[in-house]
Amino acid sequence: MRVVNISYDLEGDILEVRFAPGEEGDRTGIGLNEDVTIFCNRKYSELHGLTVLAYSKLLALPPQPLTELNAAPGSVRQKVLALLKSKALQPFLSLENGNLRLHDVRVAELAAA
């Protein structure tokens, strides 16, 4: 079973999810848009984490375009899109017509615990 570490900074409204620690030199981040970044290995084949800025604000918005990812080279974009469909990310986000929809993981409840 994969261990998922979730942290939420209530003051900064930042959600961080870590799926795997990854090797320090083999880890990279790629922005999906200005508020959402995923972390993976440099081959874009293994998911390591997710960071969402302004998390609660984004939950209230309609699905957001993948502005930063769409500007990435085509080969990178295709690999990252495959990662976005991974089972590990399903509780946190999904793609709707090519746009990013965030899911409520009840961070307010986690923060109160």
N, C-alpha and C. Protein backbone atom coordinates (compact mmCIF):
# COMPACT_ATOMS: atom_id res chain seq x y z
N MET A 1 0.84 -1.18 0.00
CA MET A 1 0.00 0.00 0.00
C MET A 1 0.89 1.24 0.00
N ARG A 2 0.56 2.20 -0.83
CA ARG A 2 1.33 3.43 -0.93
C ARG A 2 0.89 4.39 0.16
N VAL A 3 1.86 4.99 0.83
CA VAL A 3 1.58 5.97 1.87
C VAL A 3 1.49 7.34 1.23
N VAL A 4 0.42 8.06 1.52
CA VAL A 4 0.22 9.41 1.01
C VAL A 4 0.26 10.36 2.19
N ASN A 5 1.13 11.35 2.11
CA ASN A 5 1.21 12.37 3.15
C ASN A 5 0.53 13.64 2.65
N ILE A 6 -0.46 14.10 3.40
CA ILE A 6 -1.21 15.30 3.04
C ILE A 6 -0.99 16.34 4.12
N SER A 7 -0.62 17.54 3.69
CA SER A 7 -0.52 18.64 4.65
C SER A 7 -1.24 19.85 4.07
N TYR A 8 -1.79 20.63 4.96
CA TYR A 8 -2.53 21.82 4.55
C TYR A 8 -2.14 22.97 5.45
N ASP A 9 -1.69 24.05 4.85
CA ASP A 9 -1.36 25.28 5.58
C ASP A 9 -2.58 26.18 5.50
N LEU A 10 -3.32 26.25 6.61
CA LEU A 10 -4.56 27.01 6.65
C LEU A 10 -4.33 28.50 6.38
N GLU A 11 -3.30 29.05 6.98
CA GLU A 11 -3.01 30.47 6.81
C GLU A 11 -2.64 30.81 5.37
N GLY A 12 -1.80 29.99 4.76
CA GLY A 12 -1.39 30.23 3.38
C GLY A 12 -2.32 29.62 2.35
N ASP A 13 -3.27 28.78 2.79
CA ASP A 13 -4.21 28.08 1.92
C ASP A 13 -3.48 27.24 0.88
N ILE A 14 -2.49 26.46 1.37
CA ILE A 14 -1.66 25.65 0.50
C ILE A 14 -1.85 24.17 0.85
N LEU A 15 -2.22 23.39 -0.15
CA LEU A 15 -2.36 21.95 0.01
C LEU A 15 -1.12 21.29 -0.59
N GLU A 16 -0.51 20.39 0.17
CA GLU A 16 0.63 19.62 -0.34
C GLU A 16 0.34 18.15 -0.14
N VAL A 17 0.55 17.39 -1.20
CA VAL A 17 0.35 15.95 -1.17
C VAL A 17 1.65 15.31 -1.64
N ARG A 18 2.15 14.35 -0.86
CA ARG A 18 3.37 13.64 -1.23
C ARG A 18 3.06 12.16 -1.37
N PHE A 19 3.32 11.64 -2.57
CA PHE A 19 3.08 10.23 -2.84
C PHE A 19 4.34 9.39 -2.64
N ALA A 20 5.47 9.95 -2.98
CA ALA A 20 6.74 9.24 -2.87
C ALA A 20 7.84 10.27 -2.69
N PRO A 21 8.87 9.95 -1.90
CA PRO A 21 9.91 10.94 -1.68
C PRO A 21 10.74 11.23 -2.92
N GLY A 22 11.03 10.22 -3.73
CA GLY A 22 11.83 10.44 -4.93
C GLY A 22 13.27 10.75 -4.61
N GLU A 23 14.12 10.48 -5.54
CA GLU A 23 15.54 10.81 -5.38
C GLU A 23 15.70 12.31 -5.58
N GLU A 24 16.50 12.92 -4.75
CA GLU A 24 16.67 14.38 -4.81
C GLU A 24 17.06 14.86 -6.20
N GLY A 25 18.00 14.19 -6.86
CA GLY A 25 18.46 14.62 -8.18
C GLY A 25 17.55 14.19 -9.31
N ASP A 26 16.59 13.30 -9.04
CA ASP A 26 15.70 12.79 -10.08
C ASP A 26 14.27 13.28 -9.87
N ARG A 27 14.13 14.47 -9.37
CA ARG A 27 12.81 15.01 -9.08
C ARG A 27 12.67 16.37 -9.75
N THR A 28 11.52 16.57 -10.36
CA THR A 28 11.26 17.85 -11.01
C THR A 28 9.80 18.23 -10.79
N GLY A 29 9.53 19.49 -10.90
CA GLY A 29 8.16 19.98 -10.80
C GLY A 29 7.74 20.58 -12.12
N ILE A 30 6.47 20.47 -12.42
CA ILE A 30 5.95 21.11 -13.63
C ILE A 30 4.61 21.75 -13.29
N GLY A 31 4.51 23.02 -13.63
CA GLY A 31 3.28 23.75 -13.36
C GLY A 31 2.18 23.33 -14.31
N LEU A 32 1.00 23.15 -13.76
CA LEU A 32 -0.18 22.89 -14.59
C LEU A 32 -0.83 24.22 -14.94
N ASN A 33 -0.87 25.11 -13.95
CA ASN A 33 -1.27 26.50 -14.14
C ASN A 33 -0.53 27.29 -13.05
N GLU A 34 -0.86 28.53 -12.84
CA GLU A 34 -0.09 29.33 -11.89
C GLU A 34 -0.27 28.89 -10.44
N ASP A 35 -1.27 28.09 -10.13
CA ASP A 35 -1.53 27.68 -8.75
C ASP A 35 -1.29 26.20 -8.46
N VAL A 36 -1.12 25.38 -9.47
CA VAL A 36 -1.01 23.94 -9.26
C VAL A 36 0.26 23.41 -9.92
N THR A 37 1.05 22.67 -9.12
CA THR A 37 2.29 22.07 -9.60
C THR A 37 2.30 20.60 -9.20
N ILE A 38 2.71 19.74 -10.13
CA ILE A 38 2.92 18.35 -9.75
C ILE A 38 4.42 18.09 -9.76
N PHE A 39 4.83 17.12 -8.97
CA PHE A 39 6.22 16.72 -8.89
C PHE A 39 6.33 15.27 -9.32
N CYS A 40 7.36 14.99 -10.11
CA CYS A 40 7.54 13.64 -10.63
C CYS A 40 9.03 13.42 -10.89
N ASN A 41 9.37 12.23 -11.40
CA ASN A 41 10.76 12.01 -11.77
C ASN A 41 11.03 12.74 -13.08
N ARG A 42 12.29 12.84 -13.45
CA ARG A 42 12.66 13.62 -14.65
C ARG A 42 12.21 12.98 -15.96
N LYS A 43 11.80 11.72 -15.90
CA LYS A 43 11.27 11.06 -17.10
C LYS A 43 9.76 11.27 -17.21
N TYR A 44 9.17 11.94 -16.23
CA TYR A 44 7.72 12.20 -16.19
C TYR A 44 6.92 10.90 -16.20
N SER A 45 7.46 9.89 -15.51
CA SER A 45 6.79 8.59 -15.51
C SER A 45 6.35 8.15 -14.11
N GLU A 46 6.82 8.83 -13.09
CA GLU A 46 6.47 8.46 -11.71
C GLU A 46 6.07 9.70 -10.92
N LEU A 47 4.88 9.68 -10.39
CA LEU A 47 4.33 10.79 -9.63
C LEU A 47 4.92 10.83 -8.22
N HIS A 48 5.35 12.02 -7.78
CA HIS A 48 5.91 12.18 -6.44
C HIS A 48 5.06 13.08 -5.55
N GLY A 49 4.38 14.08 -6.12
CA GLY A 49 3.62 14.97 -5.27
C GLY A 49 2.81 16.00 -6.04
N LEU A 50 2.10 16.79 -5.26
CA LEU A 50 1.21 17.81 -5.79
C LEU A 50 1.19 18.98 -4.80
N THR A 51 1.28 20.20 -5.32
CA THR A 51 1.14 21.40 -4.49
C THR A 51 0.09 22.30 -5.12
N VAL A 52 -0.84 22.77 -4.29
CA VAL A 52 -1.91 23.65 -4.77
C VAL A 52 -1.91 24.91 -3.91
N LEU A 53 -1.69 26.05 -4.55
CA LEU A 53 -1.77 27.34 -3.88
C LEU A 53 -3.22 27.84 -3.99
N ALA A 54 -3.66 28.59 -3.00
CA ALA A 54 -5.03 29.14 -2.99
C ALA A 54 -6.06 28.02 -3.16
N TYR A 55 -5.84 26.93 -2.45
CA TYR A 55 -6.64 25.72 -2.60
C TYR A 55 -8.15 25.98 -2.43
N SER A 56 -8.55 26.61 -1.34
CA SER A 56 -9.99 26.79 -1.10
C SER A 56 -10.61 27.71 -2.15
N LYS A 57 -9.87 28.69 -2.63
CA LYS A 57 -10.37 29.58 -3.68
C LYS A 57 -10.60 28.79 -4.97
N LEU A 58 -9.65 27.93 -5.31
CA LEU A 58 -9.76 27.16 -6.54
C LEU A 58 -10.91 26.16 -6.51
N LEU A 59 -11.23 25.65 -5.32
CA LEU A 59 -12.35 24.71 -5.21
C LEU A 59 -13.66 25.35 -5.65
N ALA A 60 -13.79 26.65 -5.41
CA ALA A 60 -15.03 27.35 -5.73
C ALA A 60 -15.13 27.77 -7.20
N LEU A 61 -14.04 27.63 -7.93
CA LEU A 61 -14.02 28.06 -9.33
C LEU A 61 -14.37 26.91 -10.27
N PRO A 62 -14.82 27.24 -11.47
CA PRO A 62 -15.03 26.17 -12.46
C PRO A 62 -13.68 25.59 -12.85
N PRO A 63 -13.67 24.48 -13.59
CA PRO A 63 -12.40 23.90 -14.01
C PRO A 63 -11.50 24.94 -14.68
N GLN A 64 -10.22 24.87 -14.34
CA GLN A 64 -9.25 25.87 -14.80
C GLN A 64 -8.39 25.33 -15.94
N PRO A 65 -8.02 26.19 -16.88
CA PRO A 65 -7.17 25.73 -17.99
C PRO A 65 -5.77 25.36 -17.50
N LEU A 66 -5.14 24.48 -18.25
CA LEU A 66 -3.78 24.03 -17.95
C LEU A 66 -2.79 24.95 -18.67
N THR A 67 -2.80 26.23 -18.32
CA THR A 67 -2.04 27.24 -19.06
C THR A 67 -0.55 26.94 -19.10
N GLU A 68 0.05 26.58 -17.99
CA GLU A 68 1.49 26.32 -17.98
C GLU A 68 1.82 25.00 -18.65
N LEU A 69 1.04 23.97 -18.40
CA LEU A 69 1.29 22.68 -19.03
C LEU A 69 1.13 22.78 -20.55
N ASN A 70 0.14 23.54 -21.00
CA ASN A 70 -0.07 23.68 -22.44
C ASN A 70 1.10 24.37 -23.14
N ALA A 71 1.91 25.10 -22.40
CA ALA A 71 3.08 25.76 -22.97
C ALA A 71 4.31 24.86 -22.98
N ALA A 72 4.23 23.70 -22.36
CA ALA A 72 5.36 22.75 -22.31
C ALA A 72 5.51 22.04 -23.65
N PRO A 73 6.70 21.50 -23.91
CA PRO A 73 6.89 20.72 -25.15
C PRO A 73 5.89 19.56 -25.22
N GLY A 74 5.48 19.20 -26.42
CA GLY A 74 4.45 18.18 -26.63
C GLY A 74 4.75 16.85 -25.95
N SER A 75 5.99 16.39 -26.00
CA SER A 75 6.32 15.10 -25.38
C SER A 75 6.15 15.15 -23.87
N VAL A 76 6.54 16.25 -23.26
CA VAL A 76 6.37 16.43 -21.82
C VAL A 76 4.89 16.51 -21.48
N ARG A 77 4.17 17.30 -22.24
CA ARG A 77 2.73 17.49 -22.01
C ARG A 77 1.99 16.16 -22.02
N GLN A 78 2.29 15.30 -23.00
CA GLN A 78 1.60 14.01 -23.10
C GLN A 78 1.91 13.12 -21.89
N LYS A 79 3.14 13.11 -21.44
CA LYS A 79 3.52 12.29 -20.28
C LYS A 79 2.84 12.81 -19.01
N VAL A 80 2.80 14.12 -18.85
CA VAL A 80 2.16 14.71 -17.67
C VAL A 80 0.65 14.47 -17.70
N LEU A 81 0.05 14.58 -18.85
CA LEU A 81 -1.39 14.30 -18.95
C LEU A 81 -1.68 12.86 -18.54
N ALA A 82 -0.80 11.93 -18.88
CA ALA A 82 -0.97 10.54 -18.45
C ALA A 82 -0.88 10.44 -16.93
N LEU A 83 0.07 11.18 -16.32
CA LEU A 83 0.19 11.19 -14.86
C LEU A 83 -1.07 11.76 -14.21
N LEU A 84 -1.66 12.76 -14.83
CA LEU A 84 -2.86 13.39 -14.27
C LEU A 84 -4.05 12.44 -14.23
N LYS A 85 -4.01 11.41 -15.03
CA LYS A 85 -5.10 10.42 -15.05
C LYS A 85 -4.83 9.26 -14.10
N SER A 86 -3.71 9.33 -13.36
CA SER A 86 -3.34 8.22 -12.47
C SER A 86 -4.33 8.09 -11.31
N LYS A 87 -4.47 6.88 -10.85
CA LYS A 87 -5.39 6.58 -9.75
C LYS A 87 -5.02 7.36 -8.49
N ALA A 88 -3.73 7.58 -8.26
CA ALA A 88 -3.28 8.28 -7.06
C ALA A 88 -3.82 9.71 -7.00
N LEU A 89 -3.98 10.36 -8.14
CA LEU A 89 -4.45 11.74 -8.17
C LEU A 89 -5.97 11.88 -8.16
N GLN A 90 -6.70 10.81 -8.42
CA GLN A 90 -8.15 10.89 -8.54
C GLN A 90 -8.86 11.53 -7.35
N PRO A 91 -8.41 11.29 -6.11
CA PRO A 91 -9.10 11.95 -4.99
C PRO A 91 -8.88 13.48 -4.95
N PHE A 92 -7.85 13.95 -5.66
CA PHE A 92 -7.45 15.35 -5.54
C PHE A 92 -7.82 16.21 -6.74
N LEU A 93 -7.81 15.62 -7.94
CA LEU A 93 -8.10 16.40 -9.13
C LEU A 93 -8.54 15.50 -10.27
N SER A 94 -9.12 16.13 -11.28
CA SER A 94 -9.50 15.41 -12.49
C SER A 94 -9.46 16.39 -13.66
N LEU A 95 -9.49 15.84 -14.86
CA LEU A 95 -9.54 16.66 -16.06
C LEU A 95 -10.96 16.64 -16.61
N GLU A 96 -11.47 17.81 -16.93
CA GLU A 96 -12.79 17.95 -17.53
C GLU A 96 -12.65 18.78 -18.79
N ASN A 97 -12.83 18.13 -19.93
CA ASN A 97 -12.68 18.81 -21.22
C ASN A 97 -11.35 19.55 -21.33
N GLY A 98 -10.29 18.91 -20.86
CA GLY A 98 -8.96 19.49 -20.95
C GLY A 98 -8.64 20.53 -19.89
N ASN A 99 -9.55 20.74 -18.95
CA ASN A 99 -9.33 21.69 -17.87
C ASN A 99 -9.21 20.95 -16.54
N LEU A 100 -8.59 21.60 -15.58
CA LEU A 100 -8.30 21.00 -14.29
C LEU A 100 -9.38 21.31 -13.27
N ARG A 101 -9.94 20.27 -12.68
CA ARG A 101 -10.94 20.40 -11.61
C ARG A 101 -10.32 19.85 -10.34
N LEU A 102 -10.31 20.66 -9.29
CA LEU A 102 -9.82 20.20 -7.99
C LEU A 102 -10.97 19.61 -7.19
N HIS A 103 -10.66 18.63 -6.37
CA HIS A 103 -11.66 17.99 -5.53
C HIS A 103 -11.43 18.37 -4.07
N ASP A 104 -12.50 18.49 -3.34
CA ASP A 104 -12.43 18.83 -1.92
C ASP A 104 -12.02 17.60 -1.13
N VAL A 105 -10.84 17.67 -0.52
CA VAL A 105 -10.36 16.54 0.30
C VAL A 105 -10.58 16.82 1.78
N ARG A 106 -11.48 17.74 2.06
CA ARG A 106 -11.86 18.07 3.43
C ARG A 106 -10.68 18.50 4.29
N VAL A 107 -9.88 19.42 3.74
CA VAL A 107 -8.70 19.87 4.48
C VAL A 107 -9.06 20.62 5.75
N ALA A 108 -10.22 21.24 5.78
CA ALA A 108 -10.63 21.93 7.01
C ALA A 108 -10.74 20.92 8.14
N GLU A 109 -11.27 19.74 7.84
CA GLU A 109 -11.36 18.69 8.85
C GLU A 109 -9.98 18.18 9.25
N LEU A 110 -9.08 18.06 8.26
CA LEU A 110 -7.71 17.62 8.57
C LEU A 110 -7.00 18.64 9.43
N ALA A 111 -7.20 19.92 9.13
CA ALA A 111 -6.53 20.97 9.89
C ALA A 111 -7.02 21.02 11.33
N ALA A 112 -8.28 20.68 11.56
CA ALA A 112 -8.85 20.73 12.90
C ALA A 112 -8.44 19.51 13.74
N ALA A 113 -8.01 18.45 13.07
CA ALA A 113 -7.66 17.21 13.79
C ALA A 113 -6.35 17.32 14.53
